[in-house]
PDB file of N, CA and C in Angstrom:
ATOM      1  N   UNK A   1       0.533 -13.158  -2.331  1.00  0.00           N
ATOM      2  CA  UNK A   1      -0.660 -12.767  -1.543  1.00  0.00           C
ATOM      3  C   UNK A   1      -0.147 -12.483   0.000  1.00  0.00           C
ATOM      4  N   UNK A   2      -0.814 -11.522   0.563  1.00  0.00           N
ATOM      5  CA  UNK A   2      -0.677 -11.387   1.962  1.00  0.00           C
ATOM      6  C   UNK A   2      -1.201 -12.520   2.714  1.00  0.00           C
ATOM      7  N   UNK A   3      -0.752 -12.600   3.872  1.00  0.00           N
ATOM      8  CA  UNK A   3      -1.440 -13.629   4.915  1.00  0.00           C
ATOM      9  C   UNK A   3      -2.842 -13.133   5.002  1.00  0.00           C
ATOM     10  N   UNK A   4      -3.715 -13.994   5.483  1.00  0.00           N
ATOM     11  CA  UNK A   4      -5.238 -13.556   5.687  1.00  0.00           C
ATOM     12  C   UNK A   4      -5.357 -12.534   6.729  1.00  0.00           C
ATOM     13  N   UNK A   5      -4.557 -12.714   7.809  1.00  0.00           N
ATOM     14  CA  UNK A   5      -4.469 -11.631   8.933  1.00  0.00           C
ATOM     15  C   UNK A   5      -4.058 -10.072   8.416  1.00  0.00           C
ATOM     16  N   UNK A   6      -3.221 -10.128   7.264  1.00  0.00           N
ATOM     17  CA  UNK A   6      -2.897  -8.759   7.062  1.00  0.00           C
ATOM     18  C   UNK A   6      -3.510  -8.187   5.492  1.00  0.00           C
ATOM     19  N   UNK A   7      -4.741  -8.803   5.313  1.00  0.00           N
ATOM     20  CA  UNK A   7      -5.432  -8.341   4.067  1.00  0.00           C
ATOM     21  C   UNK A   7      -6.639  -7.473   4.497  1.00  0.00           C
ATOM     22  N   UNK A   8      -6.765  -6.495   3.847  1.00  0.00           N
ATOM     23  CA  UNK A   8      -8.095  -5.587   4.023  1.00  0.00           C
ATOM     24  C   UNK A   8      -9.025  -6.292   2.708  1.00  0.00           C
ATOM     25  N   UNK A   9      -9.923  -6.986   3.281  1.00  0.00           N
ATOM     26  CA  UNK A   9     -10.730  -7.876   2.241  1.00  0.00           C
ATOM     27  C   UNK A   9     -11.933  -7.168   1.886  1.00  0.00           C
ATOM     28  N   UNK A  10     -12.741  -6.506   2.693  1.00  0.00           N
ATOM     29  CA  UNK A  10     -13.919  -6.003   2.339  1.00  0.00           C
ATOM     30  C   UNK A  10     -13.980  -4.679   1.823  1.00  0.00           C
ATOM     31  N   UNK A  11     -14.678  -4.379   0.788  1.00  0.00           N
ATOM     32  CA  UNK A  11     -14.758  -3.084   0.038  1.00  0.00           C
ATOM     33  C   UNK A  11     -15.218  -2.088   1.051  1.00  0.00           C
ATOM     34  N   UNK A  12     -16.041  -2.270   1.944  1.00  0.00           N
ATOM     35  CA  UNK A  12     -16.348  -1.344   2.944  1.00  0.00           C
ATOM     36  C   UNK A  12     -15.319  -0.936   3.886  1.00  0.00           C
ATOM     37  N   UNK A  13     -14.421  -1.942   4.181  1.00  0.00           N
ATOM     38  CA  UNK A  13     -13.240  -1.544   4.911  1.00  0.00           C
ATOM     39  C   UNK A  13     -12.407  -0.610   4.341  1.00  0.00           C
ATOM     40  N   UNK A  14     -12.109  -0.949   2.912  1.00  0.00           N
ATOM     41  CA  UNK A  14     -11.064   0.000   2.147  1.00  0.00           C
ATOM     42  C   UNK A  14     -11.819   1.364   2.055  1.00  0.00           C
ATOM     43  N   UNK A  15     -13.095   1.493   1.729  1.00  0.00           N
ATOM     44  CA  UNK A  15     -13.688   2.759   1.707  1.00  0.00           C
ATOM     45  C   UNK A  15     -13.634   3.434   2.972  1.00  0.00           C
ATOM     46  N   UNK A  16     -13.635   2.859   4.145  1.00  0.00           N
ATOM     47  CA  UNK A  16     -13.767   3.742   5.384  1.00  0.00           C
ATOM     48  C   UNK A  16     -12.364   4.046   5.459  1.00  0.00           C
ATOM     49  N   UNK A  17     -11.386   3.436   5.208  1.00  0.00           N
ATOM     50  CA  UNK A  17      -9.999   3.996   5.290  1.00  0.00           C
ATOM     51  C   UNK A  17      -9.676   5.165   4.458  1.00  0.00           C
ATOM     52  N   UNK A  18     -10.251   5.014   3.240  1.00  0.00           N
ATOM     53  CA  UNK A  18      -9.973   6.094   2.252  1.00  0.00           C
ATOM     54  C   UNK A  18     -10.799   7.403   2.616  1.00  0.00           C
ATOM     55  N   UNK A  19     -12.050   7.157   3.230  1.00  0.00           N
ATOM     56  CA  UNK A  19     -12.805   8.276   3.591  1.00  0.00           C
ATOM     57  C   UNK A  19     -12.225   8.875   4.897  1.00  0.00           C
ATOM     58  N   UNK A  20     -11.876   8.181   5.908  1.00  0.00           N
ATOM     59  CA  UNK A  20     -11.648   8.808   7.013  1.00  0.00           C
ATOM     60  C   UNK A  20     -10.217   8.867   7.443  1.00  0.00           C
ATOM     61  N   UNK A  21      -9.374   7.973   6.889  1.00  0.00           N
ATOM     62  CA  UNK A  21      -7.886   7.914   7.063  1.00  0.00           C
ATOM     63  C   UNK A  21      -6.988   9.275   6.792  1.00  0.00           C
ATOM     64  N   UNK A  22      -5.780   9.133   7.452  1.00  0.00           N
ATOM     65  CA  UNK A  22      -4.848  10.206   7.325  1.00  0.00           C
ATOM     66  C   UNK A  22      -4.095   9.693   5.826  1.00  0.00           C
ATOM     67  N   UNK A  23      -3.472  10.676   5.298  1.00  0.00           N
ATOM     68  CA  UNK A  23      -2.743  10.346   3.966  1.00  0.00           C
ATOM     69  C   UNK A  23      -1.580  10.931   3.893  1.00  0.00           C
ATOM     70  N   UNK A  24      -0.527  10.236   3.160  1.00  0.00           N
ATOM     71  CA  UNK A  24       0.784  10.844   2.914  1.00  0.00           C
ATOM     72  C   UNK A  24       1.008  10.190   1.330  1.00  0.00           C
ATOM     73  N   UNK A  25       1.327  11.193   0.507  1.00  0.00           N
ATOM     74  CA  UNK A  25       1.475  10.970  -0.880  1.00  0.00           C
ATOM     75  C   UNK A  25       2.788  11.498  -1.508  1.00  0.00           C
ATOM     76  N   UNK A  26       3.171  10.628  -2.278  1.00  0.00           N
ATOM     77  CA  UNK A  26       4.438  10.804  -3.165  1.00  0.00           C
ATOM     78  C   UNK A  26       4.168  10.773  -4.656  1.00  0.00           C
ATOM     79  N   UNK A  27       4.693  11.439  -5.597  1.00  0.00           N
ATOM     80  CA  UNK A  27       4.271  11.367  -6.977  1.00  0.00           C
ATOM     81  C   UNK A  27       4.197   9.977  -7.546  1.00  0.00           C
ATOM     82  N   UNK A  28       4.940   8.918  -6.941  1.00  0.00           N
ATOM     83  CA  UNK A  28       4.789   7.518  -7.467  1.00  0.00           C
ATOM     84  C   UNK A  28       3.656   6.726  -6.685  1.00  0.00           C
ATOM     85  N   UNK A  29       3.777   6.829  -5.524  1.00  0.00           N
ATOM     86  CA  UNK A  29       2.889   6.136  -4.740  1.00  0.00           C
ATOM     87  C   UNK A  29       2.235   6.943  -3.406  1.00  0.00           C
ATOM     88  N   UNK A  30       1.113   6.476  -2.885  1.00  0.00           N
ATOM     89  CA  UNK A  30       0.729   7.211  -1.729  1.00  0.00           C
ATOM     90  C   UNK A  30      -0.039   6.264  -0.695  1.00  0.00           C
ATOM     91  N   UNK A  31      -0.321   6.621   0.486  1.00  0.00           N
ATOM     92  CA  UNK A  31      -0.995   5.836   1.319  1.00  0.00           C
ATOM     93  C   UNK A  31      -2.209   6.591   2.085  1.00  0.00           C
ATOM     94  N   UNK A  32      -3.254   5.840   2.432  1.00  0.00           N
ATOM     95  CA  UNK A  32      -4.196   6.436   3.382  1.00  0.00           C
ATOM     96  C   UNK A  32      -4.275   5.359   4.482  1.00  0.00           C
ATOM     97  N   UNK A  33      -4.245   5.807   5.741  1.00  0.00           N
ATOM     98  CA  UNK A  33      -3.982   4.720   6.754  1.00  0.00           C
ATOM     99  C   UNK A  33      -4.905   5.351   7.957  1.00  0.00           C
ATOM    100  N   UNK A  34      -5.322   4.394   8.864  1.00  0.00           N
ATOM    101  CA  UNK A  34      -6.148   4.617  10.001  1.00  0.00           C
ATOM    102  C   UNK A  34      -5.974   3.594  10.956  1.00  0.00           C
ATOM    103  N   UNK A  35      -6.065   3.841  12.192  1.00  0.00           N
ATOM    104  CA  UNK A  35      -5.968   3.032  13.283  1.00  0.00           C
ATOM    105  C   UNK A  35      -6.828   1.933  13.290  1.00  0.00           C
ATOM    106  N   UNK A  36      -6.584   0.637  13.532  1.00  0.00           N
ATOM    107  CA  UNK A  36      -7.556  -0.407  13.846  1.00  0.00           C
ATOM    108  C   UNK A  36      -7.366  -0.880  15.189  1.00  0.00           C
ATOM    109  N   UNK A  37      -8.261  -1.694  15.650  1.00  0.00           N
ATOM    110  CA  UNK A  37      -8.233  -2.285  17.059  1.00  0.00           C
ATOM    111  C   UNK A  37      -7.501  -3.662  17.016  1.00  0.00           C
ATOM    112  N   UNK A  38      -6.925  -4.152  15.884  1.00  0.00           N
ATOM    113  CA  UNK A  38      -6.161  -5.451  15.845  1.00  0.00           C
ATOM    114  C   UNK A  38      -4.758  -5.473  16.246  1.00  0.00           C
ATOM    115  N   UNK A  39      -4.208  -6.518  16.508  1.00  0.00           N
ATOM    116  CA  UNK A  39      -2.853  -6.656  16.776  1.00  0.00           C
ATOM    117  C   UNK A  39      -1.828  -6.596  15.475  1.00  0.00           C
ATOM    118  N   UNK A  40      -2.501  -6.785  14.313  1.00  0.00           N
ATOM    119  CA  UNK A  40      -1.748  -6.723  12.967  1.00  0.00           C
ATOM    120  C   UNK A  40      -2.155  -5.541  12.211  1.00  0.00           C
ATOM    121  N   UNK A  41      -1.234  -4.966  11.152  1.00  0.00           N
ATOM    122  CA  UNK A  41      -1.612  -4.127  10.314  1.00  0.00           C
ATOM    123  C   UNK A  41      -2.182  -4.953   9.100  1.00  0.00           C
ATOM    124  N   UNK A  42      -3.114  -4.160   8.481  1.00  0.00           N
ATOM    125  CA  UNK A  42      -3.801  -4.727   7.128  1.00  0.00           C
ATOM    126  C   UNK A  42      -3.602  -3.857   6.116  1.00  0.00           C
ATOM    127  N   UNK A  43      -3.503  -4.539   4.724  1.00  0.00           N
ATOM    128  CA  UNK A  43      -3.132  -3.781   3.688  1.00  0.00           C
ATOM    129  C   UNK A  43      -3.964  -4.091   2.466  1.00  0.00           C
ATOM    130  N   UNK A  44      -4.274  -3.083   1.479  1.00  0.00           N
ATOM    131  CA  UNK A  44      -4.875  -3.098   0.210  1.00  0.00           C
ATOM    132  C   UNK A  44      -4.085  -2.295  -0.756  1.00  0.00           C
ATOM    133  N   UNK A  45      -3.935  -2.779  -1.929  1.00  0.00           N
ATOM    134  CA  UNK A  45      -3.237  -2.060  -3.077  1.00  0.00           C
ATOM    135  C   UNK A  45      -4.166  -1.571  -4.007  1.00  0.00           C
ATOM    136  N   UNK A  46      -4.337  -0.407  -4.460  1.00  0.00           N
ATOM    137  CA  UNK A  46      -5.067  -0.019  -5.459  1.00  0.00           C
ATOM    138  C   UNK A  46      -4.394   0.521  -6.609  1.00  0.00           C
ATOM    139  N   UNK A  47      -4.659  -0.217  -7.921  1.00  0.00           N
ATOM    140  CA  UNK A  47      -3.908   0.263  -9.054  1.00  0.00           C
ATOM    141  C   UNK A  47      -5.076   0.295 -10.219  1.00  0.00           C
ATOM    142  N   UNK A  48      -5.764   1.431 -10.315  1.00  0.00           N
ATOM    143  CA  UNK A  48      -6.873   1.563 -11.206  1.00  0.00           C
ATOM    144  C   UNK A  48      -6.401   1.682 -12.540  1.00  0.00           C
ATOM    145  N   UNK A  49      -7.708   2.042 -13.576  1.00  0.00           N
ATOM    146  CA  UNK A  49      -7.240   1.998 -14.955  1.00  0.00           C
ATOM    147  C   UNK A  49      -6.456   3.319 -15.314  1.00  0.00           C
ATOM    148  N   UNK A  50      -6.550   4.208 -14.545  1.00  0.00           N
ATOM    149  CA  UNK A  50      -5.685   5.358 -14.829  1.00  0.00           C
ATOM    150  C   UNK A  50      -4.042   5.010 -14.727  1.00  0.00           C
ATOM    151  N   UNK A  51      -3.674   4.018 -14.176  1.00  0.00           N
ATOM    152  CA  UNK A  51      -2.384   3.665 -14.155  1.00  0.00           C
ATOM    153  C   UNK A  51      -2.006   2.934 -15.441  1.00  0.00           C
ATOM    154  N   UNK A  52      -2.668   2.080 -15.948  1.00  0.00           N
ATOM    155  CA  UNK A  52      -2.579   1.569 -17.303  1.00  0.00           C
ATOM    156  C   UNK A  52      -3.827   0.618 -17.769  1.00  0.00           C
ATOM    157  N   UNK A  53      -4.263   0.611 -18.930  1.00  0.00           N
ATOM    158  CA  UNK A  53      -5.444  -0.056 -19.330  1.00  0.00           C
ATOM    159  C   UNK A  53      -5.010  -1.507 -19.294  1.00  0.00           C
ATOM    160  N   UNK A  54      -3.928  -1.936 -19.365  1.00  0.00           N
ATOM    161  CA  UNK A  54      -3.376  -3.407 -19.502  1.00  0.00           C
ATOM    162  C   UNK A  54      -3.507  -3.950 -17.872  1.00  0.00           C
ATOM    163  N   UNK A  55      -4.306  -4.975 -17.774  1.00  0.00           N
ATOM    164  CA  UNK A  55      -4.352  -5.678 -16.467  1.00  0.00           C
ATOM    165  C   UNK A  55      -2.965  -6.302 -16.039  1.00  0.00           C
ATOM    166  N   UNK A  56      -2.434  -6.790 -17.172  1.00  0.00           N
ATOM    167  CA  UNK A  56      -0.993  -7.441 -16.810  1.00  0.00           C
ATOM    168  C   UNK A  56      -0.136  -6.493 -16.165  1.00  0.00           C
ATOM    169  N   UNK A  57      -0.114  -5.100 -16.645  1.00  0.00           N
ATOM    170  CA  UNK A  57       0.951  -4.301 -16.119  1.00  0.00           C
ATOM    171  C   UNK A  57       0.438  -3.892 -14.697  1.00  0.00           C
ATOM    172  N   UNK A  58      -0.892  -3.564 -14.529  1.00  0.00           N
ATOM    173  CA  UNK A  58      -1.442  -3.331 -13.219  1.00  0.00           C
ATOM    174  C   UNK A  58      -1.096  -4.357 -12.149  1.00  0.00           C
ATOM    175  N   UNK A  59      -1.401  -5.345 -12.553  1.00  0.00           N
ATOM    176  CA  UNK A  59      -1.229  -6.771 -11.572  1.00  0.00           C
ATOM    177  C   UNK A  59       0.259  -6.747 -11.153  1.00  0.00           C
ATOM    178  N   UNK A  60       1.165  -6.474 -12.300  1.00  0.00           N
ATOM    179  CA  UNK A  60       2.654  -6.618 -12.033  1.00  0.00           C
ATOM    180  C   UNK A  60       2.947  -5.632 -11.003  1.00  0.00           C
ATOM    181  N   UNK A  61       2.532  -4.573 -11.057  1.00  0.00           N
ATOM    182  CA  UNK A  61       2.856  -3.514 -10.170  1.00  0.00           C
ATOM    183  C   UNK A  61       2.253  -3.842  -8.822  1.00  0.00           C
ATOM    184  N   UNK A  62       1.172  -4.199  -8.878  1.00  0.00           N
ATOM    185  CA  UNK A  62       0.473  -4.702  -7.450  1.00  0.00           C
ATOM    186  C   UNK A  62       1.317  -5.733  -6.739  1.00  0.00           C
ATOM    187  N   UNK A  63       1.727  -6.803  -7.602  1.00  0.00           N
ATOM    188  CA  UNK A  63       2.650  -7.852  -7.119  1.00  0.00           C
ATOM    189  C   UNK A  63       3.959  -7.406  -6.441  1.00  0.00           C
ATOM    190  N   UNK A  64       4.542  -6.405  -7.091  1.00  0.00           N
ATOM    191  CA  UNK A  64       5.828  -5.695  -6.540  1.00  0.00           C
ATOM    192  C   UNK A  64       5.565  -4.978  -5.467  1.00  0.00           C
ATOM    193  N   UNK A  65       4.664  -4.185  -5.128  1.00  0.00           N
ATOM    194  CA  UNK A  65       4.283  -3.701  -3.884  1.00  0.00           C
ATOM    195  C   UNK A  65       4.064  -4.542  -2.965  1.00  0.00           C
ATOM    196  N   UNK A  66       3.269  -5.576  -3.225  1.00  0.00           N
ATOM    197  CA  UNK A  66       2.884  -6.428  -2.194  1.00  0.00           C
ATOM    198  C   UNK A  66       4.051  -7.329  -1.645  1.00  0.00           C
ATOM    199  N   UNK A  67       5.069  -7.581  -2.555  1.00  0.00           N
ATOM    200  CA  UNK A  67       6.419  -8.184  -2.222  1.00  0.00           C
ATOM    201  C   UNK A  67       7.107  -7.256  -1.160  1.00  0.00           C
ATOM    202  N   UNK A  68       7.120  -6.112  -1.377  1.00  0.00           N
ATOM    203  CA  UNK A  68       7.909  -5.014  -0.627  1.00  0.00           C
ATOM    204  C   UNK A  68       7.200  -5.103   0.724  1.00  0.00           C
ATOM    205  N   UNK A  69       5.820  -5.007   0.803  1.00  0.00           N
ATOM    206  CA  UNK A  69       5.268  -5.058   2.110  1.00  0.00           C
ATOM    207  C   UNK A  69       5.562  -6.219   2.892  1.00  0.00           C
ATOM    208  N   UNK A  70       5.493  -7.479   2.174  1.00  0.00           N
ATOM    209  CA  UNK A  70       5.672  -8.645   2.784  1.00  0.00           C
ATOM    210  C   UNK A  70       7.083  -8.847   3.344  1.00  0.00           C
ATOM    211  N   UNK A  71       8.134  -8.236   2.614  1.00  0.00           N
ATOM    212  CA  UNK A  71       9.489  -8.300   3.073  1.00  0.00           C
ATOM    213  C   UNK A  71       9.744  -7.461   4.294  1.00  0.00           C
ATOM    214  N   UNK A  72       8.745  -6.295   4.478  1.00  0.00           N
ATOM    215  CA  UNK A  72       9.124  -5.503   5.550  1.00  0.00           C
ATOM    216  C   UNK A  72       8.057  -5.206   6.592  1.00  0.00           C
ATOM    217  N   UNK A  73       7.292  -6.376   6.474  1.00  0.00           N
ATOM    218  CA  UNK A  73       5.985  -6.349   7.250  1.00  0.00           C
ATOM    219  C   UNK A  73       6.348  -6.188   8.845  1.00  0.00           C
ATOM    220  N   UNK A  74       7.623  -6.839   9.286  1.00  0.00           N
ATOM    221  CA  UNK A  74       7.909  -6.932  10.497  1.00  0.00           C
ATOM    222  C   UNK A  74       8.457  -5.519  11.102  1.00  0.00           C
ATOM    223  N   UNK A  75       8.809  -4.564  10.176  1.00  0.00           N
ATOM    224  CA  UNK A  75       9.149  -3.233  10.438  1.00  0.00           C
ATOM    225  C   UNK A  75       8.097  -2.258  10.577  1.00  0.00           C
ATOM    226  N   UNK A  76       6.911  -2.426  10.011  1.00  0.00           N
ATOM    227  CA  UNK A  76       5.867  -1.736   9.987  1.00  0.00           C
ATOM    228  C   UNK A  76       4.942  -1.801  11.243  1.00  0.00           C
ATOM    229  N   UNK A  77       4.810  -0.625  11.831  1.00  0.00           N
ATOM    230  CA  UNK A  77       3.966  -0.600  13.005  1.00  0.00           C
ATOM    231  C   UNK A  77       2.666  -1.521  12.954  1.00  0.00           C
ATOM    232  N   UNK A  78       2.233  -2.298  13.916  1.00  0.00           N
ATOM    233  CA  UNK A  78       1.072  -2.955  13.875  1.00  0.00           C
ATOM    234  C   UNK A  78       0.097  -2.157  14.404  1.00  0.00           C
ATOM    235  N   UNK A  79      -1.356  -2.654  13.977  1.00  0.00           N
ATOM    236  CA  UNK A  79      -2.551  -1.867  14.366  1.00  0.00           C
ATOM    237  C   UNK A  79      -3.008  -0.909  13.594  1.00  0.00           C
ATOM    238  N   UNK A  80      -2.768  -0.948  12.162  1.00  0.00           N
ATOM    239  CA  UNK A  80      -3.148   0.072  11.241  1.00  0.00           C
ATOM    240  C   UNK A  80      -3.739  -0.520  10.023  1.00  0.00           C
ATOM    241  N   UNK A  81      -4.667   0.069   9.342  1.00  0.00           N
ATOM    242  CA  UNK A  81      -5.277  -0.387   8.198  1.00  0.00           C
ATOM    243  C   UNK A  81      -4.641   0.595   7.058  1.00  0.00           C
ATOM    244  N   UNK A  82      -3.964   0.209   5.988  1.00  0.00           N
ATOM    245  CA  UNK A  82      -3.302   0.828   4.949  1.00  0.00           C
ATOM    246  C   UNK A  82      -3.849   0.488   3.723  1.00  0.00           C
ATOM    247  N   UNK A  83      -4.179   1.659   2.922  1.00  0.00           N
ATOM    248  CA  UNK A  83      -4.469   1.410   1.397  1.00  0.00           C
ATOM    249  C   UNK A  83      -3.399   2.259   0.681  1.00  0.00           C
ATOM    250  N   UNK A  84      -2.851   1.407  -0.155  1.00  0.00           N
ATOM    251  CA  UNK A  84      -1.762   1.941  -1.075  1.00  0.00           C
ATOM    252  C   UNK A  84      -2.295   2.222  -2.442  1.00  0.00           C
ATOM    253  N   UNK A  85      -1.932   3.583  -2.674  1.00  0.00           N
ATOM    254  CA  UNK A  85      -2.481   4.013  -4.084  1.00  0.00           C
ATOM    255  C   UNK A  85      -1.257   4.171  -5.095  1.00  0.00           C
ATOM    256  N   UNK A  86      -1.281   3.512  -6.055  1.00  0.00           N
ATOM    257  CA  UNK A  86      -0.299   3.396  -7.259  1.00  0.00           C
ATOM    258  C   UNK A  86      -0.588   4.416  -8.192  1.00  0.00           C
ATOM    259  N   UNK A  87       0.535   5.155  -8.709  1.00  0.00           N
ATOM    260  CA  UNK A  87       0.274   5.985  -9.851  1.00  0.00           C
ATOM    261  C   UNK A  87       0.975   5.536 -11.285  1.00  0.00           C
ATOM    262  N   UNK A  88       0.617   5.992 -12.187  1.00  0.00           N
ATOM    263  CA  UNK A  88       1.155   5.632 -13.640  1.00  0.00           C
ATOM    264  C   UNK A  88       2.673   5.664 -13.695  1.00  0.00           C
ATOM    265  N   UNK A  89       3.237   6.652 -12.949  1.00  0.00           N
ATOM    266  CA  UNK A  89       4.761   6.748 -12.869  1.00  0.00           C
ATOM    267  C   UNK A  89       5.464   5.541 -12.420  1.00  0.00           C
ATOM    268  N   UNK A  90       4.793   4.879 -11.579  1.00  0.00           N
ATOM    269  CA  UNK A  90       5.514   3.525 -11.006  1.00  0.00           C
ATOM    270  C   UNK A  90       5.743   2.415 -12.081  1.00  0.00           C
ATOM    271  N   UNK A  91       5.141   2.586 -13.172  1.00  0.00           N
ATOM    272  CA  UNK A  91       5.434   1.585 -14.155  1.00  0.00           C
ATOM    273  C   UNK A  91       6.810   1.706 -14.844  1.00  0.00           C
ATOM    274  N   UNK A  92       7.320   2.921 -14.688  1.00  0.00           N
ATOM    275  CA  UNK A  92       8.762   3.220 -15.246  1.00  0.00           C
ATOM    276  C   UNK A  92       9.799   2.982 -14.330  1.00  0.00           C
ATOM    277  N   UNK A  93       9.546   2.707 -13.021  1.00  0.00           N
ATOM    278  CA  UNK A  93      10.518   2.474 -11.952  1.00  0.00           C
ATOM    279  C   UNK A  93      10.873   0.950 -11.888  1.00  0.00           C
ATOM    280  N   UNK A  94      12.256   0.799 -11.321  1.00  0.00           N
ATOM    281  CA  UNK A  94      12.607  -0.600 -11.034  1.00  0.00           C
ATOM    282  C   UNK A  94      11.984  -1.008  -9.712  1.00  0.00           C
ATOM    283  N   UNK A  95      12.095  -2.347  -9.420  1.00  0.00           N
ATOM    284  CA  UNK A  95      11.663  -2.689  -8.241  1.00  0.00           C
ATOM    285  C   UNK A  95      12.441  -2.072  -6.931  1.00  0.00           C
ATOM    286  N   UNK A  96      13.583  -1.829  -7.003  1.00  0.00           N
ATOM    287  CA  UNK A  96      14.399  -1.149  -6.012  1.00  0.00           C
ATOM    288  C   UNK A  96      13.928   0.263  -5.780  1.00  0.00           C
ATOM    289  N   UNK A  97      13.599   0.916  -6.943  1.00  0.00           N
ATOM    290  CA  UNK A  97      13.182   2.450  -6.747  1.00  0.00           C
ATOM    291  C   UNK A  97      11.714   2.438  -6.115  1.00  0.00           C
ATOM    292  N   UNK A  98      10.907   1.457  -6.416  1.00  0.00           N
ATOM    293  CA  UNK A  98       9.592   1.333  -5.981  1.00  0.00           C
ATOM    294  C   UNK A  98       9.588   1.195  -4.323  1.00  0.00           C
ATOM    295  N   UNK A  99      10.583   0.195  -4.044  1.00  0.00           N
ATOM    296  CA  UNK A  99      10.707  -0.164  -2.639  1.00  0.00           C
ATOM    297  C   UNK A  99      11.229   1.113  -1.799  1.00  0.00           C
ATOM    298  N   UNK A 100      12.288   1.789  -2.421  1.00  0.00           N
ATOM    299  CA  UNK A 100      12.733   2.821  -1.793  1.00  0.00           C
ATOM    300  C   UNK A 100      11.572   4.012  -1.574  1.00  0.00           C
ATOM    301  N   UNK A 101      10.746   4.230  -2.484  1.00  0.00           N
ATOM    302  CA  UNK A 101       9.694   5.303  -2.491  1.00  0.00           C
ATOM    303  C   UNK A 101       8.724   4.927  -1.528  1.00  0.00           C
ATOM    304  N   UNK A 102       8.319   3.612  -1.408  1.00  0.00           N
ATOM    305  CA  UNK A 102       7.268   3.079  -0.442  1.00  0.00           C
ATOM    306  C   UNK A 102       7.713   3.154   0.920  1.00  0.00           C
ATOM    307  N   UNK A 103       9.028   2.904   1.112  1.00  0.00           N
ATOM    308  CA  UNK A 103       9.458   2.948   2.507  1.00  0.00           C
ATOM    309  C   UNK A 103       9.654   4.320   2.917  1.00  0.00           C
ATOM    310  N   UNK A 104       9.849   5.297   2.163  1.00  0.00           N
ATOM    311  CA  UNK A 104       9.986   6.713   2.335  1.00  0.00           C
ATOM    312  C   UNK A 104       8.556   7.125   2.734  1.00  0.00           C
ATOM    313  N   UNK A 105       7.592   6.862   2.023  1.00  0.00           N
ATOM    314  CA  UNK A 105       6.221   7.177   2.286  1.00  0.00           C
ATOM    315  C   UNK A 105       5.703   6.688   3.710  1.00  0.00           C
ATOM    316  N   UNK A 106       6.213   5.405   4.017  1.00  0.00           N
ATOM    317  CA  UNK A 106       5.709   4.833   5.300  1.00  0.00           C
ATOM    318  C   UNK A 106       6.559   5.515   6.329  1.00  0.00           C
ATOM    319  N   UNK A 107       7.836   5.669   6.288  1.00  0.00           N
ATOM    320  CA  UNK A 107       8.614   6.637   7.208  1.00  0.00           C
ATOM    321  C   UNK A 107       7.831   8.086   7.528  1.00  0.00           C
ATOM    322  N   UNK A 108       7.529   8.724   6.409  1.00  0.00           N
ATOM    323  CA  UNK A 108       6.894   9.998   6.466  1.00  0.00           C
ATOM    324  C   UNK A 108       5.536   9.936   7.309  1.00  0.00           C
ATOM    325  N   UNK A 109       4.811   8.842   7.152  1.00  0.00           N
ATOM    326  CA  UNK A 109       3.510   8.698   7.823  1.00  0.00           C
ATOM    327  C   UNK A 109       3.667   8.266   9.179  1.00  0.00           C
ATOM    328  N   UNK A 110       5.013   7.733   9.635  1.00  0.00           N
ATOM    329  CA  UNK A 110       5.117   7.436  11.032  1.00  0.00           C
ATOM    330  C   UNK A 110       4.658   5.959  11.232  1.00  0.00           C
ATOM    331  N   UNK A 111       4.596   5.325  10.111  1.00  0.00           N
ATOM    332  CA  UNK A 111       4.289   3.705  10.376  1.00  0.00           C
ATOM    333  C   UNK A 111       5.452   2.860  10.375  1.00  0.00           C
ATOM    334  N   UNK A 112       6.760   3.430  10.301  1.00  0.00           N
ATOM    335  CA  UNK A 112       7.875   2.542  10.310  1.00  0.00           C
ATOM    336  C   UNK A 112       8.244   2.458  11.461  1.00  0.00           C
ATOM    337  N   UNK A 113       8.697   1.355  12.159  1.00  0.00           N
ATOM    338  CA  UNK A 113       8.959   1.156  13.609  1.00  0.00           C
ATOM    339  C   UNK A 113      10.425   1.270  13.793  1.00  0.00           C
TER     340      UNK A 113
END
């Protein structure tokens, strides 16, 4: 889990980022992000039923992306709300490939410090 200060907890917060935020997408994963007025960046990971019907597989992908973000949180610019969308193609990738793709998306979005 993310630390409390790094979580987008409320559904309304996530919906607002999805509705009004900027986006950068890759075939494997994508993000929508918007500026917040906090000193920390907050994250949410979305892996819907289209990814896989098995909750075990969806949760595994979420855990892996969460770990990537936790390891690199100090390199991500503060002050943003970020919603990460996962596609079904991410189930076929290794952890290292997922990490590489996510970091590339963050760099394209300008969130990498």
